[in-house]
Protein backbone atom coordinates (compact mmCIF):
# COMPACT_ATOMS: atom_id res chain seq x y z
CA UNK A 1 -9.90 -6.81 21.47
CA UNK A 2 -7.90 -7.41 18.30
CA UNK A 3 -4.21 -6.47 18.13
CA UNK A 4 -4.83 -3.94 15.35
CA UNK A 5 -7.63 -1.49 14.72
CA UNK A 6 -6.91 -1.59 11.01
CA UNK A 7 -4.71 -3.31 8.45
CA UNK A 8 -4.06 -1.04 5.48
CA UNK A 9 -2.90 -1.93 2.01
CA UNK A 10 -1.88 0.64 -0.59
CA UNK A 11 0.84 2.42 -2.50
CA UNK A 12 3.78 3.80 -0.53
CA UNK A 13 4.58 7.23 -1.94
CA UNK A 14 6.79 10.13 -0.94
CA UNK A 15 5.03 13.45 -1.56
CA UNK A 16 6.50 16.64 -2.90
CA UNK A 17 4.09 19.56 -2.52
CA UNK A 18 4.29 22.65 -4.71
CA UNK A 19 2.11 25.76 -4.78
CA UNK A 20 0.92 26.64 -8.30
CA UNK A 21 -1.60 28.83 -10.10
CA UNK A 22 -4.49 27.63 -12.24
CA UNK A 23 -2.66 29.10 -15.21
CA UNK A 24 0.41 26.97 -14.50
CA UNK A 25 -1.76 23.84 -14.28
CA UNK A 26 -3.16 24.70 -17.69
CA UNK A 27 0.30 25.37 -19.14
CA UNK A 28 1.53 21.99 -17.90
CA UNK A 29 -1.68 20.25 -19.03
CA UNK A 30 -2.38 18.92 -15.52
CA UNK A 31 -5.97 17.92 -14.76
CA UNK A 32 -7.08 19.88 -11.72
CA UNK A 33 -8.32 18.03 -8.66
CA UNK A 34 -7.53 14.54 -9.93
CA UNK A 35 -4.82 11.92 -9.51
CA UNK A 36 -2.99 11.25 -12.76
CA UNK A 37 -0.53 8.39 -13.19
CA UNK A 38 2.67 9.55 -14.90
CA UNK A 39 6.05 8.06 -15.72
CA UNK A 40 9.27 9.20 -14.10
CA UNK A 41 10.23 11.39 -17.08
CA UNK A 42 6.94 13.32 -16.96
CA UNK A 43 7.30 13.84 -13.23
CA UNK A 44 10.85 15.17 -13.70
CA UNK A 45 9.58 17.50 -16.44
CA UNK A 46 6.95 18.95 -14.09
CA UNK A 47 9.48 19.38 -11.28
CA UNK A 48 11.88 21.20 -13.59
CA UNK A 49 9.10 23.53 -14.73
CA UNK A 50 8.18 24.34 -11.13
CA UNK A 51 11.64 24.74 -9.64
CA UNK A 52 11.54 27.27 -6.81
CA UNK A 53 7.90 26.69 -5.87
CA UNK A 54 8.50 24.31 -2.96
CA UNK A 55 6.39 24.90 0.15
CA UNK A 56 7.05 23.92 3.75
CA UNK A 57 5.68 20.36 3.44
CA UNK A 58 7.85 19.69 0.43
CA UNK A 59 8.95 16.15 1.21
CA UNK A 60 6.94 13.72 3.33
CA UNK A 61 5.73 10.18 3.16
CA UNK A 62 2.25 9.88 1.73
CA UNK A 63 0.04 7.41 -0.04
CA UNK A 64 -3.63 7.22 0.83
CA UNK A 65 -3.78 4.09 3.01
CA UNK A 66 -0.46 4.94 4.64
CA UNK A 67 -1.73 8.38 5.66
CA UNK A 68 -4.88 6.81 7.13
CA UNK A 69 -2.99 4.11 9.05
CA UNK A 70 -0.61 6.73 10.46
CA UNK A 71 -3.57 8.87 11.57
CA UNK A 72 -5.34 5.97 13.32
CA UNK A 73 -2.08 5.00 15.02
CA UNK A 74 -1.30 8.56 16.13
CA UNK A 75 -4.74 8.84 17.70
CA UNK A 76 -4.04 5.70 19.72
CA UNK A 77 -5.22 2.71 17.66
CA UNK A 78 -2.59 0.21 16.50
CA UNK A 79 -2.33 -0.35 12.74
CA UNK A 80 -0.44 -2.45 10.19
CA UNK A 81 0.53 -1.46 6.66
CA UNK A 82 1.20 -3.62 3.60
CA UNK A 83 3.09 -1.68 0.94
CA UNK A 84 6.29 -1.80 -1.08
CA UNK A 85 9.27 0.56 -1.14
CA UNK A 86 12.64 0.22 -2.83
CA UNK A 87 16.12 0.12 -1.33
CA UNK A 88 16.61 3.86 -1.82
CA UNK A 89 16.56 7.09 0.20
CA UNK A 90 12.84 7.66 -0.32
CA UNK A 91 12.18 4.12 0.90
CA UNK A 92 14.19 4.92 4.03
CA UNK A 93 12.09 8.07 4.56
CA UNK A 94 8.85 6.15 4.20
CA UNK A 95 9.75 3.36 6.61
CA UNK A 96 11.13 5.84 9.14
CA UNK A 97 7.81 7.70 9.07
CA UNK A 98 5.85 4.48 9.64
CA UNK A 99 8.12 3.57 12.56
CA UNK A 100 7.86 7.04 14.09
CA UNK A 101 4.06 6.77 13.96
CA UNK A 102 4.07 3.28 15.51
CA UNK A 103 2.70 1.56 12.39
CA UNK A 104 3.78 -2.07 11.94
CA UNK A 105 4.50 -3.16 8.37
CA UNK A 106 5.50 -6.02 6.08
CA UNK A 107 8.90 -4.59 5.08
CA UNK A 108 11.20 -5.96 7.74
CA UNK A 109 13.33 -7.95 5.30
CA UNK A 110 15.56 -6.95 2.40
CA UNK A 111 14.13 -4.43 -0.05
CA UNK A 112 14.41 -4.73 -3.82
CA UNK A 113 16.41 -2.40 -6.03
CA UNK A 114 14.30 0.17 -7.83
CA UNK A 115 12.58 3.49 -7.21
CA UNK A 116 10.16 4.21 -4.39
CA UNK A 117 6.92 5.76 -5.63
CA UNK A 118 6.59 9.54 -5.66
CA UNK A 119 3.60 11.85 -5.79
CA UNK A 120 3.90 15.42 -7.04
CA UNK A 121 1.09 17.33 -5.29
CA UNK A 122 0.23 20.66 -6.93
CA UNK A 123 -1.71 23.01 -4.64
CA UNK A 124 -3.71 25.94 -6.06
CA UNK A 125 -4.91 29.01 -4.18
CA UNK A 126 -8.36 27.46 -3.62
CA UNK A 127 -6.66 24.63 -1.64
CA UNK A 128 -7.41 22.04 -4.34
CA UNK A 129 -4.74 19.40 -4.86
CA UNK A 130 -3.85 17.91 -8.24
CA UNK A 131 -1.67 14.81 -8.02
CA UNK A 132 0.78 13.41 -10.52
CA UNK A 133 1.91 10.02 -9.33
CA UNK A 134 4.80 7.84 -10.41
CA UNK A 135 4.12 4.53 -8.67
CA UNK A 136 7.65 3.19 -9.01
CA UNK A 137 8.05 -0.10 -7.18
CA UNK A 138 4.56 0.28 -5.69
CA UNK A 139 3.21 -0.81 -9.06
CA UNK A 140 4.51 -4.31 -8.28
CA UNK A 141 2.76 -4.56 -4.89
CA UNK A 142 1.28 -8.07 -4.91
CA UNK A 143 -0.28 -10.75 -2.68
CA UNK A 144 3.28 -11.58 -1.56
CA UNK A 145 3.23 -8.45 0.60
CA UNK A 146 0.17 -9.62 2.55
CA UNK A 147 0.42 -10.86 6.12
CA UNK A 148 -2.54 -13.18 6.74
CA UNK A 149 -1.89 -13.33 10.50
CA UNK A 150 -1.89 -9.53 10.80
CA UNK A 151 -5.10 -9.31 8.77
CA UNK A 152 -6.77 -11.85 11.07
CA UNK A 153 -5.56 -9.85 14.08
CA UNK A 154 -7.29 -6.66 12.85
CA UNK A 155 -10.75 -5.26 13.41
CA UNK A 156 -10.84 -3.76 9.90
CA UNK A 157 -9.08 -4.28 6.61
CA UNK A 158 -8.63 -0.92 4.81
CA UNK A 159 -8.11 -1.14 1.04
CA UNK A 160 -6.87 1.83 -0.96
CA UNK A 161 -8.82 2.11 -4.23
CA UNK A 162 -5.75 3.32 -6.13
CA UNK A 163 -4.58 -0.32 -6.17
CA UNK A 164 -7.07 -0.93 -8.98
CA UNK A 165 -4.62 0.60 -11.48
CA UNK A 166 -2.06 -2.20 -11.09
CA UNK A 167 -2.87 -5.83 -12.01
CA UNK A 168 -0.78 -7.17 -9.12
CA UNK A 169 -2.06 -4.47 -6.76
CA UNK A 170 -5.65 -5.32 -7.65
CA UNK A 171 -4.92 -8.99 -7.06
CA UNK A 172 -3.48 -8.12 -3.65
CA UNK A 173 -6.57 -6.10 -2.76
CA UNK A 174 -8.89 -8.95 -3.77
CA UNK A 175 -6.82 -11.52 -1.86
CA UNK A 176 -6.72 -9.27 1.22
CA UNK A 177 -10.51 -8.95 1.15
CA UNK A 178 -10.89 -12.72 0.83
CA UNK A 179 -8.50 -13.33 3.72
CA UNK A 180 -10.30 -10.78 5.88
CA UNK A 181 -13.73 -12.20 5.15
CA UNK A 182 -12.54 -15.75 5.85
CA UNK A 183 -11.17 -14.57 9.21
CA UNK A 184 -14.32 -12.64 10.15
CA UNK A 185 -12.54 -9.28 9.80
CA UNK A 186 -14.63 -6.32 8.65
CA UNK A 187 -13.67 -4.96 5.24
CA UNK A 188 -13.42 -1.30 4.27
CA UNK A 189 -12.54 0.33 0.95
CA UNK A 190 -11.72 3.86 -0.12
CA UNK A 191 -12.70 4.71 -3.69
CA UNK A 192 -9.70 7.12 -3.58
CA UNK A 193 -10.39 9.25 -6.67
CA UNK A 194 -13.22 9.86 -9.19
CA UNK A 195 -10.94 8.53 -11.94
CA UNK A 196 -10.61 5.17 -10.20
CA UNK A 197 -14.37 4.71 -10.30
CA UNK A 198 -14.76 6.06 -13.84
CA UNK A 199 -11.85 4.47 -15.68
CA UNK A 200 -11.27 1.29 -13.66
CA UNK A 201 -14.86 0.37 -12.90
CA UNK A 202 -14.57 -3.35 -13.66
CA UNK A 203 -11.47 -3.63 -11.51
CA UNK A 204 -13.15 -1.77 -8.65
CA UNK A 205 -16.10 -4.16 -8.88
CA UNK A 206 -13.61 -7.02 -8.61
CA UNK A 207 -12.16 -5.52 -5.42
CA UNK A 208 -15.65 -4.96 -3.97
CA UNK A 209 -16.69 -8.53 -4.81
CA UNK A 210 -20.05 -9.46 -3.29
CA UNK A 211 -19.78 -6.44 -1.00
CA UNK A 212 -17.77 -4.83 1.79
CA UNK A 213 -18.64 -3.64 5.27
CA UNK A 214 -17.64 0.01 4.90
CA UNK A 215 -16.94 2.34 1.96
CA UNK A 216 -15.22 5.72 2.21
CA UNK A 217 -15.77 8.05 -0.74
CA UNK A 218 -16.32 11.68 -1.61
CA UNK A 219 -19.42 12.99 -3.36
CA UNK A 220 -17.91 12.85 -6.86
CA UNK A 221 -16.84 9.24 -6.33
CA UNK A 222 -20.27 8.30 -4.98
CA UNK A 223 -21.99 9.83 -8.00
CA UNK A 224 -19.51 8.10 -10.31
CA UNK A 225 -20.10 4.73 -8.69
CA UNK A 226 -23.86 5.25 -8.91
CA UNK A 227 -23.57 6.48 -12.52
CA UNK A 228 -25.90 9.33 -11.67
CA UNK A 229 -25.95 13.06 -10.98
CA UNK A 230 -28.34 12.61 -8.04
CA UNK A 231 -26.84 11.98 -4.62
CA UNK A 232 -29.95 10.20 -3.31
CA UNK A 233 -29.72 7.70 -6.19
CA UNK A 234 -25.98 7.22 -5.58
CA UNK A 235 -26.66 6.49 -1.91
CA UNK A 236 -29.17 3.77 -2.76
CA UNK A 237 -26.71 2.20 -5.19
CA UNK A 238 -23.92 2.30 -2.61
CA UNK A 239 -26.17 0.35 -0.24
CA UNK A 240 -26.12 -2.55 -2.71
CA UNK A 241 -22.38 -3.11 -2.20
CA UNK A 242 -21.65 -1.66 1.26
CA UNK A 243 -23.25 -2.41 4.61
CA UNK A 244 -22.23 1.07 5.72
CA UNK A 245 -20.49 4.07 4.19
CA UNK A 246 -19.22 7.61 4.58
CA UNK A 247 -19.53 10.24 1.85
CA UNK A 248 -17.37 13.31 2.41
CA UNK A 249 -18.61 16.55 0.86
CA UNK A 250 -15.88 19.09 1.52
CA UNK A 251 -17.32 22.36 2.84
CA UNK A 252 -20.75 20.69 3.01
CA UNK A 253 -19.63 18.21 5.66
CA UNK A 254 -20.30 14.49 5.25
CA UNK A 255 -23.00 11.83 5.20
CA UNK A 256 -22.70 8.63 7.22
CA UNK A 257 -24.80 5.49 6.96
CA UNK A 258 -24.36 2.83 9.65
CA UNK A 259 -26.58 0.22 8.07
CA UNK A 260 -29.73 1.60 9.65
CA UNK A 261 -29.57 5.36 9.90
CA UNK A 262 -28.32 8.06 7.57
CA UNK A 263 -26.83 11.06 9.38
CA UNK A 264 -25.60 14.40 8.06
CA UNK A 265 -22.29 15.48 9.60
CA UNK A 266 -21.74 19.26 9.75
CA UNK A 267 -18.47 20.60 8.35
CA UNK A 268 -15.68 21.87 10.56
CA UNK A 269 -15.19 25.28 8.97
CA UNK A 270 -11.61 26.47 8.52
CA UNK A 271 -9.57 28.64 6.19
CA UNK A 272 -8.45 25.94 3.76
CA UNK A 273 -4.97 26.08 2.24
CA UNK A 274 -4.31 22.47 1.18
CA UNK A 275 -6.80 19.60 0.75
CA UNK A 276 -4.07 16.98 0.30
CA UNK A 277 -4.63 14.16 2.80
CA UNK A 278 -8.01 15.41 4.06
CA UNK A 279 -9.91 12.30 2.99
CA UNK A 280 -7.14 10.06 4.33
CA UNK A 281 -7.26 11.81 7.70
CA UNK A 282 -11.07 11.53 7.76
CA UNK A 283 -10.87 7.77 7.21
CA UNK A 284 -8.10 7.27 9.77
CA UNK A 285 -9.89 9.32 12.42
CA UNK A 286 -13.21 7.62 11.68
CA UNK A 287 -11.70 4.13 12.05
CA UNK A 288 -10.09 5.15 15.33
CA UNK A 289 -13.38 6.51 16.68
CA UNK A 290 -15.49 3.48 15.81
CA UNK A 291 -12.80 1.22 17.30
CA UNK A 292 -13.51 3.01 20.60
CA UNK A 293 -17.14 1.99 20.30
CA UNK A 294 -18.37 5.41 19.15
CA UNK A 295 -21.40 5.53 16.84
CA UNK A 296 -21.15 6.79 13.26
CA UNK A 297 -22.47 10.24 14.16
CA UNK A 298 -19.77 10.80 16.78
CA UNK A 299 -17.08 9.23 14.61
CA UNK A 300 -18.13 11.45 11.72
CA UNK A 301 -17.91 14.61 13.80
CA UNK A 302 -14.47 13.66 15.09
CA UNK A 303 -13.26 12.80 11.58
CA UNK A 304 -14.63 16.10 10.26
CA UNK A 305 -12.73 17.99 12.96
CA UNK A 306 -9.51 16.11 12.16
CA UNK A 307 -9.87 16.62 8.40
CA UNK A 308 -10.49 20.32 8.99
CA UNK A 309 -7.17 20.55 10.82
CA UNK A 310 -5.43 18.99 7.82
CA UNK A 311 -6.84 21.35 5.18
CA UNK A 312 -5.86 24.36 7.29
CA UNK A 313 -2.19 23.32 7.00
CA UNK A 314 0.19 22.23 4.26
CA UNK A 315 0.99 18.53 4.07
CA UNK A 316 -1.01 15.31 4.50
CA UNK A 317 -0.47 15.00 8.26
CA UNK A 318 -0.28 16.96 11.50
CA UNK A 319 2.71 17.22 13.84
CA UNK A 320 2.71 14.15 16.12
CA UNK A 321 1.81 16.06 19.29
CA UNK A 322 -1.39 17.41 17.75
CA UNK A 323 -3.07 13.99 17.45
CA UNK A 324 -3.41 13.25 21.18
CA UNK A 325 -4.30 16.91 21.75
CA UNK A 326 -7.11 16.67 19.19
CA UNK A 327 -8.32 13.40 20.73
CA UNK A 328 -8.36 15.00 24.18
CA UNK A 329 -10.13 18.09 22.86
CA UNK A 330 -12.92 15.99 21.36
CA UNK A 331 -13.23 12.96 23.65
CA UNK A 332 -11.85 14.42 26.86
CA UNK A 333 -9.18 11.72 27.31
């Protein structure tokens, strides 16, 4: 057994969630359902416009890979996170959340001056989340933040596709994949957002390289990668770069492919209020399940259950006590 189930690399962000209407999104010229990179001034402008809209989960650590590593850890599988936060209050919040979840990380030394990344998550009544992200110091995440020994001590490397937007972040993702492959560690990648596949395609191809062991994506990202409007065609094109993959489909469930068999995973139906973090939870739960030796069908059902719990609540994560309870409910241990 390896020391870690997964080694994650991605942007460290502190989320602020705000409930909005579709009309307000239009007024603010925010693209619904996507992640948009913004500067600090634009983020402040949006916050000023929406003053008074804060919901319960108004301030929590986020970031795609971080959410997934926290989920895997909370279910009982050790994880490691490579990221970058500044020497500020939000950086303190982020590191405290990693420590509380038992996630090891690369930030044990002095932190640089600057601003920790922030994500403004706008939630509409249909539970869709629209993200406006100021990367802050996360934009300078680089190969320097990698820990080769921790990568080698992991069963899986988990790369957040959002890293493709930063030259140094992309370089870190490529280097991490190379280190993992040299050490015989399985590689996994989340496409993260349809915009990452559409607008940063060459960079995403660079991260993928000759291929990875496991891809996590949603249906829109799969279609974007396949440059098609047919899911069956997208699936065949995913097989060219991934030995296995998971395609999440929201209320339609998910599709898993383990390298031999394609399996439809039924949805876990809930009253959705907030989709923020659902894909991250799915990936974290899935990695935990396969680390137990479960097959893709079982891992997919567990991940669907866990993601369903997320969308039924505000915020990207569950209270800590609910993770072992969910594991016991599903696996009986």
